[in-house]
Amino acid sequence: NKVPTVESIKSILPVAEEACNSFNRNTDADKAVLNSAWSKLASCVERMRRGVTDPESKEFQFCRQVLLLCAKHELPKPDPERDSNYNSPSWSPAPRHEASQGLPWLAAHKPDTKIIEAVDSLVHDKVPSVRFLVTRELFRISVVSPEIFWNLAEYLSKHETNRVVQNALCHTLGRVVARAEAKTTEVLDKLYKRAISPDEDSDFLDSFVRLVMWLALARQNTW
């Protein structure tokens, strides 16, 4: 869980590059093996990106390339029965899971069109664990792409039904509320009107109430 050193990133880069090139060359290999290999590479790159900050560096560009590919990967596949019972934050190694965590961070350093479009697509993903992971990291684009950030936050407040993802939205709003109080309350108001159930005991409700209490007590917010 630590940030890798520059030296460790540089040392693994040639291996990761060769792996990626190999996957692209051997597209007729066994699908299960390829999927497993992509998941391993995605996990590796998601960790590499934590230590790269220069958008012009070779390491940054490689992480961008791989995570953009992972954002379009078939894994994880939607599972209606399992997804309908997604009630706690959990996920397994899979390309789109790793892309959901890594791309918002890359966007914070270089919010180019392809990265932002990929983040948008992950917010609209069919799999709730993917939406949870990208929503939890969404605050990272709030400074570099504020219009996109608030459009996505508003979309989630209006359309997201999964409690785990709604809780992730509260988490990401908690990271921006101090510098964007008015916009945060607008999103919270939409979420309140369609999602709050007073008889419910959930992490989402706890997170929502904490935000509201902070606004009321610390900021004397009239809303």
Protein backbone atom coordinates (compact mmCIF):
# COMPACT_ATOMS: atom_id res chain seq x y z
CA ASN A 1 0.00 0.00 0.00
CA LYS A 2 3.02 2.31 0.04
CA VAL A 3 4.10 4.63 -2.76
CA PRO A 4 6.78 2.82 -4.79
CA THR A 5 10.14 4.47 -5.23
CA VAL A 6 11.25 5.93 -8.55
CA GLU A 7 13.96 3.27 -8.72
CA SER A 8 11.52 0.39 -8.26
CA ILE A 9 9.20 1.79 -10.92
CA LYS A 10 12.04 2.17 -13.39
CA SER A 11 13.23 -1.36 -12.66
CA ILE A 12 9.85 -2.99 -13.30
CA LEU A 13 8.94 -0.87 -16.34
CA PRO A 14 10.81 -2.99 -18.97
CA VAL A 15 9.19 -6.17 -17.65
CA ALA A 16 5.74 -4.59 -17.64
CA GLU A 17 6.24 -3.20 -21.15
CA GLU A 18 7.29 -6.60 -22.50
CA ALA A 19 4.30 -8.23 -20.82
CA CYS A 20 1.92 -5.72 -22.40
CA ASN A 21 3.51 -6.18 -25.83
CA SER A 22 3.27 -9.95 -25.42
CA PHE A 23 -0.44 -9.81 -24.59
CA ASN A 24 -1.11 -7.67 -27.66
CA ARG A 25 0.90 -10.00 -29.91
CA ASN A 26 -0.65 -13.23 -28.66
CA THR A 27 -4.34 -12.43 -28.98
CA ASP A 28 -5.12 -16.02 -30.00
CA ALA A 29 -3.84 -17.38 -26.67
CA ASP A 30 -6.25 -19.02 -24.25
CA LYS A 31 -8.73 -16.35 -23.16
CA ALA A 32 -8.68 -17.30 -19.49
CA VAL A 33 -4.89 -17.03 -19.45
CA LEU A 34 -4.95 -13.67 -21.21
CA ASN A 35 -7.58 -12.32 -18.83
CA SER A 36 -5.56 -13.45 -15.83
CA ALA A 37 -2.41 -11.90 -17.29
CA TRP A 38 -4.17 -8.57 -17.96
CA SER A 39 -5.45 -8.54 -14.38
CA LYS A 40 -1.89 -9.06 -13.08
CA LEU A 41 -0.50 -6.33 -15.31
CA ALA A 42 -3.33 -3.96 -14.36
CA SER A 43 -2.62 -4.48 -10.66
CA CYS A 44 1.08 -3.86 -11.25
CA VAL A 45 0.44 -0.65 -13.18
CA GLU A 46 -2.08 0.60 -10.62
CA ARG A 47 0.69 0.41 -8.05
CA MET A 48 3.28 1.94 -10.37
CA ARG A 49 1.11 4.99 -11.01
CA ARG A 50 1.23 5.94 -7.32
CA GLY A 51 4.84 6.97 -7.74
CA VAL A 52 4.70 8.72 -11.12
CA THR A 53 3.88 12.43 -11.22
CA ASP A 54 5.54 13.75 -14.39
CA PRO A 55 3.01 13.50 -17.26
CA GLU A 56 5.85 13.63 -19.78
CA SER A 57 7.78 10.73 -18.29
CA LYS A 58 7.96 7.33 -19.94
CA GLU A 59 6.57 5.72 -16.79
CA PHE A 60 3.52 8.00 -16.71
CA GLN A 61 2.77 7.43 -20.39
CA PHE A 62 2.99 3.66 -19.94
CA CYS A 63 0.61 3.71 -16.97
CA ARG A 64 -1.78 5.86 -19.00
CA GLN A 65 -1.62 3.51 -21.98
CA VAL A 66 -2.29 0.37 -19.95
CA LEU A 67 -5.03 1.80 -17.73
CA LEU A 68 -6.89 3.20 -20.75
CA LEU A 69 -6.84 -0.28 -22.27
CA CYS A 70 -7.99 -1.75 -18.96
CA ALA A 71 -10.91 0.68 -18.79
CA LYS A 72 -12.34 -1.07 -21.87
CA HIS A 73 -11.54 -4.62 -20.78
CA GLU A 74 -14.35 -7.13 -20.36
CA LEU A 75 -13.46 -7.92 -16.75
CA PRO A 76 -15.19 -7.72 -14.39
CA LYS A 77 -18.26 -9.02 -16.16
CA PRO A 78 -21.73 -7.95 -15.01
CA ASP A 79 -23.54 -10.51 -12.89
CA PRO A 80 -27.15 -9.40 -12.26
CA GLU A 81 -27.69 -11.62 -9.23
CA ARG A 82 -24.40 -10.80 -7.53
CA ASP A 83 -24.50 -7.13 -8.49
CA SER A 84 -28.00 -6.69 -7.07
CA ASN A 85 -26.63 -7.86 -3.70
CA TYR A 86 -23.54 -5.66 -3.69
CA ASN A 87 -23.88 -4.23 -0.19
CA SER A 88 -20.30 -3.90 1.06
CA PRO A 89 -17.16 -2.41 -0.55
CA SER A 90 -15.35 -5.39 -2.00
CA TRP A 91 -13.68 -6.23 -5.30
CA SER A 92 -11.31 -8.69 -6.91
CA PRO A 93 -8.28 -8.01 -9.13
CA ALA A 94 -9.65 -7.13 -12.58
CA PRO A 95 -8.61 -4.65 -15.27
CA ARG A 96 -11.56 -2.25 -14.93
CA HIS A 97 -11.22 -2.29 -11.14
CA GLU A 98 -7.60 -1.18 -11.43
CA ALA A 99 -8.42 1.42 -14.08
CA SER A 100 -11.12 2.86 -11.81
CA GLN A 101 -8.55 3.50 -9.10
CA GLY A 102 -5.69 4.67 -11.29
CA LEU A 103 -7.18 6.88 -13.99
CA PRO A 104 -8.60 9.62 -11.72
CA TRP A 105 -5.17 9.94 -10.15
CA LEU A 106 -3.50 10.25 -13.55
CA ALA A 107 -6.15 12.79 -14.56
CA ALA A 108 -5.18 14.94 -11.57
CA HIS A 109 -1.74 15.31 -13.18
CA LYS A 110 -2.84 15.41 -16.82
CA PRO A 111 -6.60 15.65 -17.50
CA ASP A 112 -6.46 14.84 -21.20
CA THR A 113 -9.61 14.02 -23.13
CA LYS A 114 -9.09 10.25 -23.31
CA ILE A 115 -8.52 9.87 -19.57
CA ILE A 116 -11.55 11.99 -18.70
CA GLU A 117 -13.72 10.05 -21.16
CA ALA A 118 -12.55 6.78 -19.60
CA VAL A 119 -13.39 8.05 -16.10
CA ASP A 120 -16.84 9.05 -17.35
CA SER A 121 -17.42 5.60 -18.82
CA LEU A 122 -16.40 3.93 -15.55
CA VAL A 123 -18.86 6.08 -13.58
CA HIS A 124 -21.55 4.68 -15.89
CA ASP A 125 -20.26 1.08 -15.69
CA LYS A 126 -22.78 -1.74 -15.23
CA VAL A 127 -20.78 -3.32 -12.39
CA PRO A 128 -21.31 -1.59 -9.00
CA SER A 129 -17.83 -2.41 -7.68
CA VAL A 130 -16.33 -0.53 -10.64
CA ARG A 131 -18.60 2.45 -9.99
CA PHE A 132 -17.71 2.35 -6.29
CA LEU A 133 -13.97 2.48 -6.94
CA VAL A 134 -14.06 5.28 -9.50
CA THR A 135 -16.55 7.34 -7.47
CA ARG A 136 -14.37 7.05 -4.39
CA GLU A 137 -11.47 8.54 -6.38
CA LEU A 138 -13.53 11.06 -8.34
CA PHE A 139 -12.54 14.02 -6.15
CA ARG A 140 -9.09 13.89 -7.76
CA ILE A 141 -10.44 15.54 -10.92
CA SER A 142 -12.40 18.24 -9.07
CA VAL A 143 -9.66 20.86 -9.45
CA VAL A 144 -8.36 20.06 -12.93
CA SER A 145 -11.76 19.33 -14.51
CA PRO A 146 -14.35 20.94 -12.22
CA GLU A 147 -17.19 21.01 -14.74
CA ILE A 148 -16.79 17.30 -15.51
CA PHE A 149 -16.51 16.49 -11.81
CA TRP A 150 -19.71 18.28 -10.83
CA ASN A 151 -21.61 16.88 -13.82
CA LEU A 152 -20.65 13.36 -12.76
CA ALA A 153 -21.40 14.03 -9.09
CA GLU A 154 -24.84 15.36 -10.03
CA TYR A 155 -25.47 12.37 -12.29
CA LEU A 156 -24.64 10.00 -9.43
CA SER A 157 -26.86 11.90 -7.02
CA LYS A 158 -29.78 11.61 -9.44
CA HIS A 159 -29.34 8.09 -10.81
CA GLU A 160 -27.13 5.91 -8.61
CA THR A 161 -29.15 3.41 -6.57
CA ASN A 162 -26.48 1.24 -4.97
CA ARG A 163 -25.83 2.18 -1.34
CA VAL A 164 -22.11 1.35 -1.51
CA VAL A 165 -21.63 3.67 -4.49
CA GLN A 166 -23.73 6.37 -2.84
CA ASN A 167 -21.46 6.10 0.20
CA ALA A 168 -18.44 6.54 -2.10
CA LEU A 169 -20.08 9.71 -3.44
CA CYS A 170 -20.35 11.05 0.12
CA HIS A 171 -16.67 10.22 0.61
CA THR A 172 -15.65 12.13 -2.49
CA LEU A 173 -17.90 15.08 -1.61
CA GLY A 174 -16.29 15.16 1.81
CA ARG A 175 -12.95 15.80 0.10
CA VAL A 176 -14.22 18.87 -1.77
CA VAL A 177 -16.85 20.42 0.53
CA ALA A 178 -14.46 22.83 2.28
CA ARG A 179 -13.65 24.62 -0.99
CA ALA A 180 -16.94 24.08 -2.84
CA GLU A 181 -19.61 24.28 -0.18
CA ALA A 182 -22.45 25.59 -2.35
CA LYS A 183 -22.03 23.02 -5.09
CA THR A 184 -21.66 20.23 -2.55
CA THR A 185 -24.96 21.13 -0.90
CA GLU A 186 -26.68 21.16 -4.28
CA VAL A 187 -25.56 17.57 -4.90
CA LEU A 188 -26.40 16.51 -1.34
CA ASP A 189 -29.87 18.00 -1.69
CA LYS A 190 -30.57 15.91 -4.79
CA LEU A 191 -29.22 12.82 -3.04
CA TYR A 192 -31.30 13.54 0.07
CA LYS A 193 -34.56 13.92 -1.84
CA ARG A 194 -34.31 10.58 -3.60
CA ALA A 195 -32.07 8.34 -1.51
CA ILE A 196 -32.49 8.99 2.21
CA SER A 197 -34.48 6.45 4.19
CA PRO A 198 -34.69 7.48 7.87
CA ASP A 199 -35.36 3.94 9.09
CA GLU A 200 -32.25 2.57 7.41
CA ASP A 201 -29.02 1.68 9.20
CA SER A 202 -26.20 1.91 6.65
CA ASP A 203 -22.71 3.25 6.08
CA PHE A 204 -24.20 5.56 3.45
CA LEU A 205 -26.58 7.14 5.94
CA ASP A 206 -23.75 7.55 8.47
CA SER A 207 -21.56 9.28 5.87
CA PHE A 208 -24.39 11.52 4.71
CA VAL A 209 -25.27 12.58 8.26
CA ARG A 210 -21.61 13.33 9.09
CA LEU A 211 -21.41 15.66 6.08
CA VAL A 212 -24.67 17.40 6.99
CA MET A 213 -23.65 17.82 10.64
CA TRP A 214 -20.29 19.31 9.64
CA LEU A 215 -22.03 21.78 7.34
CA ALA A 216 -24.54 22.71 10.03
CA LEU A 217 -22.21 22.96 13.01
CA ALA A 218 -18.83 23.93 11.56
CA ARG A 219 -19.99 26.11 8.69
CA GLN A 220 -23.42 27.26 9.94
CA ASN A 221 -24.74 26.32 6.51
CA THR A 222 -28.41 27.30 6.14
CA TRP A 223 -29.24 24.29 3.95
